[in-house]
N, C-alpha and C. Protein backbone atom coordinates (compact mmCIF):
# COMPACT_ATOMS: atom_id res chain seq x y z
N MET A 1 122.00 77.84 11.78
CA MET A 1 123.15 77.18 12.08
C MET A 1 123.46 76.03 11.11
N ASN A 2 124.77 75.87 10.87
CA ASN A 2 125.16 74.88 9.84
C ASN A 2 124.87 73.47 10.36
N LYS A 3 124.58 72.67 9.45
CA LYS A 3 124.32 71.20 9.78
C LYS A 3 125.73 70.46 10.11
N GLY A 4 125.78 69.94 11.28
CA GLY A 4 127.05 69.44 11.76
C GLY A 4 127.83 70.25 12.70
N ARG A 5 127.22 71.46 13.08
CA ARG A 5 127.77 72.44 14.06
C ARG A 5 126.76 72.75 15.04
N GLU A 6 127.03 72.57 16.14
CA GLU A 6 126.08 72.90 17.31
C GLU A 6 126.65 73.94 18.31
N GLN A 7 126.05 75.09 18.47
CA GLN A 7 126.52 76.09 19.55
C GLN A 7 125.94 75.95 20.81
N PHE A 8 126.53 76.14 21.94
CA PHE A 8 126.11 76.13 23.18
C PHE A 8 125.90 77.52 23.77
N GLY A 9 124.75 77.65 24.48
CA GLY A 9 124.51 78.95 25.19
C GLY A 9 125.40 79.24 26.38
N ASN A 10 125.58 80.29 26.76
CA ASN A 10 126.25 80.62 27.98
C ASN A 10 125.46 80.28 29.18
N PRO A 11 126.10 79.77 30.36
CA PRO A 11 125.38 79.64 31.57
C PRO A 11 124.89 81.05 32.13
N PRO A 12 123.94 81.01 32.89
CA PRO A 12 123.54 82.32 33.49
C PRO A 12 124.62 82.99 34.26
N GLY A 13 124.79 84.28 33.92
CA GLY A 13 125.88 85.03 34.59
C GLY A 13 127.28 84.98 34.06
N ILE A 14 127.40 84.09 33.07
CA ILE A 14 128.75 83.95 32.42
C ILE A 14 128.74 84.54 31.00
N HIS A 15 129.61 85.48 30.66
CA HIS A 15 129.65 86.08 29.41
C HIS A 15 130.96 85.84 28.76
N GLY A 16 131.04 86.07 27.37
CA GLY A 16 132.18 85.91 26.70
C GLY A 16 132.68 84.59 26.30
N LEU A 17 131.83 83.57 26.51
CA LEU A 17 132.16 82.30 26.06
C LEU A 17 131.56 82.03 24.65
N HIS A 18 132.29 81.26 23.78
CA HIS A 18 131.69 80.84 22.53
C HIS A 18 132.16 79.50 22.37
N LEU A 19 131.24 78.47 22.69
CA LEU A 19 131.55 77.10 22.71
C LEU A 19 130.62 76.34 21.67
N TYR A 20 131.28 75.64 20.79
CA TYR A 20 130.47 74.77 19.87
C TYR A 20 131.17 73.45 19.59
N VAL A 21 130.51 72.63 19.06
CA VAL A 21 131.23 71.35 18.62
C VAL A 21 130.78 71.17 17.16
N VAL A 22 131.58 70.35 16.54
CA VAL A 22 131.37 70.00 15.08
C VAL A 22 131.51 68.50 14.95
N VAL A 23 130.72 67.97 13.95
CA VAL A 23 130.65 66.56 13.72
C VAL A 23 131.83 66.32 12.80
N ALA A 24 132.65 65.41 13.20
CA ALA A 24 133.83 64.91 12.41
C ALA A 24 133.41 64.55 10.92
N GLY A 25 134.05 65.29 9.89
CA GLY A 25 133.70 64.86 8.51
C GLY A 25 132.66 65.87 7.97
N SER A 26 132.02 66.59 8.81
CA SER A 26 131.02 67.57 8.33
C SER A 26 131.59 68.62 7.59
N LEU A 27 130.80 69.46 6.94
CA LEU A 27 131.38 70.71 6.26
C LEU A 27 131.84 71.64 7.27
N PRO A 28 131.15 71.92 8.42
CA PRO A 28 131.74 72.86 9.35
C PRO A 28 133.01 72.37 9.84
N HIS A 29 133.24 71.05 10.04
CA HIS A 29 134.54 70.59 10.59
C HIS A 29 135.59 70.75 9.45
N ARG A 30 135.30 70.48 8.25
CA ARG A 30 136.23 70.65 7.23
C ARG A 30 136.61 72.17 7.03
N ASP A 31 135.67 73.00 7.20
CA ASP A 31 135.94 74.40 7.13
C ASP A 31 136.87 74.84 8.30
N HIS A 32 136.63 74.44 9.44
CA HIS A 32 137.49 74.69 10.57
C HIS A 32 139.00 74.22 10.40
N VAL A 33 139.08 73.02 10.02
CA VAL A 33 140.39 72.46 9.67
C VAL A 33 141.06 73.19 8.57
N ASP A 34 140.40 73.21 7.47
CA ASP A 34 141.03 74.04 6.36
C ASP A 34 141.54 75.24 6.60
N LEU A 35 140.66 76.04 7.27
CA LEU A 35 140.94 77.53 7.75
C LEU A 35 142.13 77.49 8.62
N ARG A 36 142.24 76.67 9.62
CA ARG A 36 143.32 76.56 10.54
C ARG A 36 144.66 76.20 9.80
N ASP A 37 144.61 75.25 9.07
CA ASP A 37 145.73 74.75 8.26
C ASP A 37 146.20 75.81 7.39
N TYR A 38 145.30 76.65 6.66
CA TYR A 38 145.79 77.61 5.68
C TYR A 38 146.38 78.71 6.50
N LEU A 39 145.83 79.24 7.58
CA LEU A 39 146.37 80.34 8.41
C LEU A 39 147.71 79.97 9.01
N ARG A 40 147.92 78.78 9.36
CA ARG A 40 149.17 78.37 9.91
C ARG A 40 150.33 78.52 8.78
N GLY A 41 150.02 78.39 7.64
CA GLY A 41 150.98 78.49 6.57
C GLY A 41 151.01 79.80 5.84
N ASN A 42 150.25 80.69 6.18
CA ASN A 42 150.00 81.98 5.58
C ASN A 42 150.09 83.14 6.56
N ALA A 43 151.27 83.66 6.98
CA ALA A 43 151.40 84.59 8.01
C ALA A 43 150.70 85.85 7.71
N ALA A 44 150.60 86.36 6.51
CA ALA A 44 150.02 87.68 6.18
C ALA A 44 148.64 87.59 6.27
N ASP A 45 147.98 86.46 5.78
CA ASP A 45 146.52 86.32 5.85
C ASP A 45 146.22 86.19 7.23
N ALA A 46 146.95 85.42 8.08
CA ALA A 46 146.64 85.17 9.48
C ALA A 46 146.63 86.58 10.17
N LYS A 47 147.54 87.41 9.92
CA LYS A 47 147.61 88.64 10.53
C LYS A 47 146.36 89.58 10.09
N HIS A 48 146.09 89.58 8.84
CA HIS A 48 144.84 90.30 8.33
C HIS A 48 143.68 89.72 9.09
N TYR A 49 143.55 88.47 9.29
CA TYR A 49 142.40 87.93 9.84
C TYR A 49 142.32 88.30 11.32
N GLY A 50 143.46 88.33 12.01
CA GLY A 50 143.53 88.77 13.36
C GLY A 50 143.18 90.23 13.57
N ASP A 51 143.68 91.18 12.63
CA ASP A 51 143.32 92.45 12.54
C ASP A 51 141.78 92.64 12.36
N LEU A 52 141.24 92.00 11.42
CA LEU A 52 139.80 91.97 11.20
C LEU A 52 139.01 91.63 12.51
N LYS A 53 139.37 90.57 13.19
CA LYS A 53 138.73 90.15 14.37
C LYS A 53 138.80 91.28 15.50
N ALA A 54 140.15 91.83 15.55
CA ALA A 54 140.25 92.97 16.63
C ALA A 54 139.31 94.09 16.36
N ARG A 55 139.15 94.45 14.98
CA ARG A 55 138.32 95.57 14.66
C ARG A 55 136.84 95.21 14.90
N LEU A 56 136.46 94.09 14.71
CA LEU A 56 135.21 93.59 15.02
C LEU A 56 134.81 93.33 16.50
N ALA A 57 135.86 93.14 17.32
CA ALA A 57 135.57 92.63 18.69
C ALA A 57 134.55 93.44 19.44
N PRO A 58 134.58 94.78 19.33
CA PRO A 58 133.60 95.50 20.11
C PRO A 58 132.08 95.02 19.86
N TRP A 59 131.82 94.41 18.79
CA TRP A 59 130.58 93.97 18.55
C TRP A 59 130.17 92.78 19.35
N LEU A 60 131.17 92.04 19.75
CA LEU A 60 130.86 90.68 20.38
C LEU A 60 129.84 90.90 21.72
N SER A 61 129.98 91.97 22.36
CA SER A 61 129.23 92.12 23.56
C SER A 61 127.88 92.82 23.29
N VAL A 62 127.61 93.33 22.08
CA VAL A 62 126.40 93.98 21.68
C VAL A 62 125.58 93.41 20.63
N ASP A 63 126.35 92.71 19.62
CA ASP A 63 125.71 92.19 18.58
C ASP A 63 126.57 91.06 17.98
N ARG A 64 126.52 89.90 18.48
CA ARG A 64 127.41 88.75 18.23
C ARG A 64 127.18 88.56 16.84
N GLU A 65 126.00 88.40 16.20
CA GLU A 65 125.73 88.11 14.81
C GLU A 65 126.47 89.01 13.91
N ARG A 66 126.46 90.37 14.22
CA ARG A 66 127.18 91.35 13.43
C ARG A 66 128.64 90.99 13.35
N TYR A 67 129.20 90.66 14.50
CA TYR A 67 130.65 90.26 14.57
C TYR A 67 130.89 89.01 13.65
N PHE A 68 130.10 87.99 13.71
CA PHE A 68 130.41 86.83 12.81
C PHE A 68 130.07 87.14 11.44
N GLU A 69 129.08 88.01 11.05
CA GLU A 69 128.86 88.33 9.68
C GLU A 69 129.92 89.33 9.06
N GLY A 70 130.55 90.03 9.94
CA GLY A 70 131.68 90.90 9.51
C GLY A 70 132.90 90.02 9.13
N LYS A 71 133.03 88.86 9.84
CA LYS A 71 134.19 87.90 9.42
C LYS A 71 133.93 87.08 8.27
N ARG A 72 132.59 86.80 7.94
CA ARG A 72 132.20 85.84 7.02
C ARG A 72 132.78 86.00 5.58
N PRO A 73 132.67 87.29 4.98
CA PRO A 73 133.28 87.34 3.68
C PRO A 73 134.82 87.02 3.52
N PHE A 74 135.53 87.43 4.60
CA PHE A 74 136.97 87.14 4.57
C PHE A 74 137.25 85.61 4.81
N ILE A 75 136.52 85.05 5.61
CA ILE A 75 136.65 83.54 5.90
C ILE A 75 136.30 82.77 4.57
N ASP A 76 135.28 83.20 3.89
CA ASP A 76 135.11 82.56 2.64
C ASP A 76 136.02 82.66 1.69
N GLU A 77 136.63 83.84 1.58
CA GLU A 77 137.76 84.03 0.74
C GLU A 77 138.95 83.16 1.15
N LEU A 78 139.24 83.12 2.35
CA LEU A 78 140.34 82.27 2.89
C LEU A 78 140.19 80.89 2.67
N LEU A 79 138.88 80.41 2.76
CA LEU A 79 138.63 78.99 2.51
C LEU A 79 138.76 78.67 1.07
N GLU A 80 138.41 79.55 0.20
CA GLU A 80 138.59 79.38 -1.23
C GLU A 80 140.06 79.22 -1.61
N ARG A 81 140.84 80.17 -1.00
CA ARG A 81 142.33 80.07 -1.20
C ARG A 81 142.77 78.73 -0.63
N ALA A 82 142.39 78.37 0.52
CA ALA A 82 142.95 77.24 1.19
C ALA A 82 142.63 75.89 0.34
N ARG A 83 141.43 75.88 -0.33
CA ARG A 83 141.10 74.70 -1.10
C ARG A 83 141.77 74.79 -2.48
N LEU A 84 141.95 75.94 -2.95
CA LEU A 84 142.68 76.00 -4.27
C LEU A 84 144.15 75.52 -4.08
N SER A 85 144.66 75.86 -2.96
CA SER A 85 146.17 75.50 -2.68
C SER A 85 146.35 74.03 -2.46
N LYS A 86 145.27 73.37 -2.17
CA LYS A 86 145.34 71.87 -2.04
C LYS A 86 145.32 71.19 -3.25
N THR A 87 144.86 71.91 -4.40
CA THR A 87 144.72 71.14 -5.64
C THR A 87 145.93 71.13 -6.56
């Protein structure tokens, strides 16, 4: 887990939740805000990201890590674009 980001487990009998908190000013917080802001201003990339998440969604119930790792390369690419666009 990233320093500055804490994930909470699901209560017994509850499935499908993904709850975490980030520390303001930490790298995970910056990543979240930068990705959010970039996607709000770039409809084509937002659609691509949504499509990717939909394709990976079946993994959420059987291999959550595979779901997240499937998104990671595109998220990294989007964060790079987001930060380049700020300069």
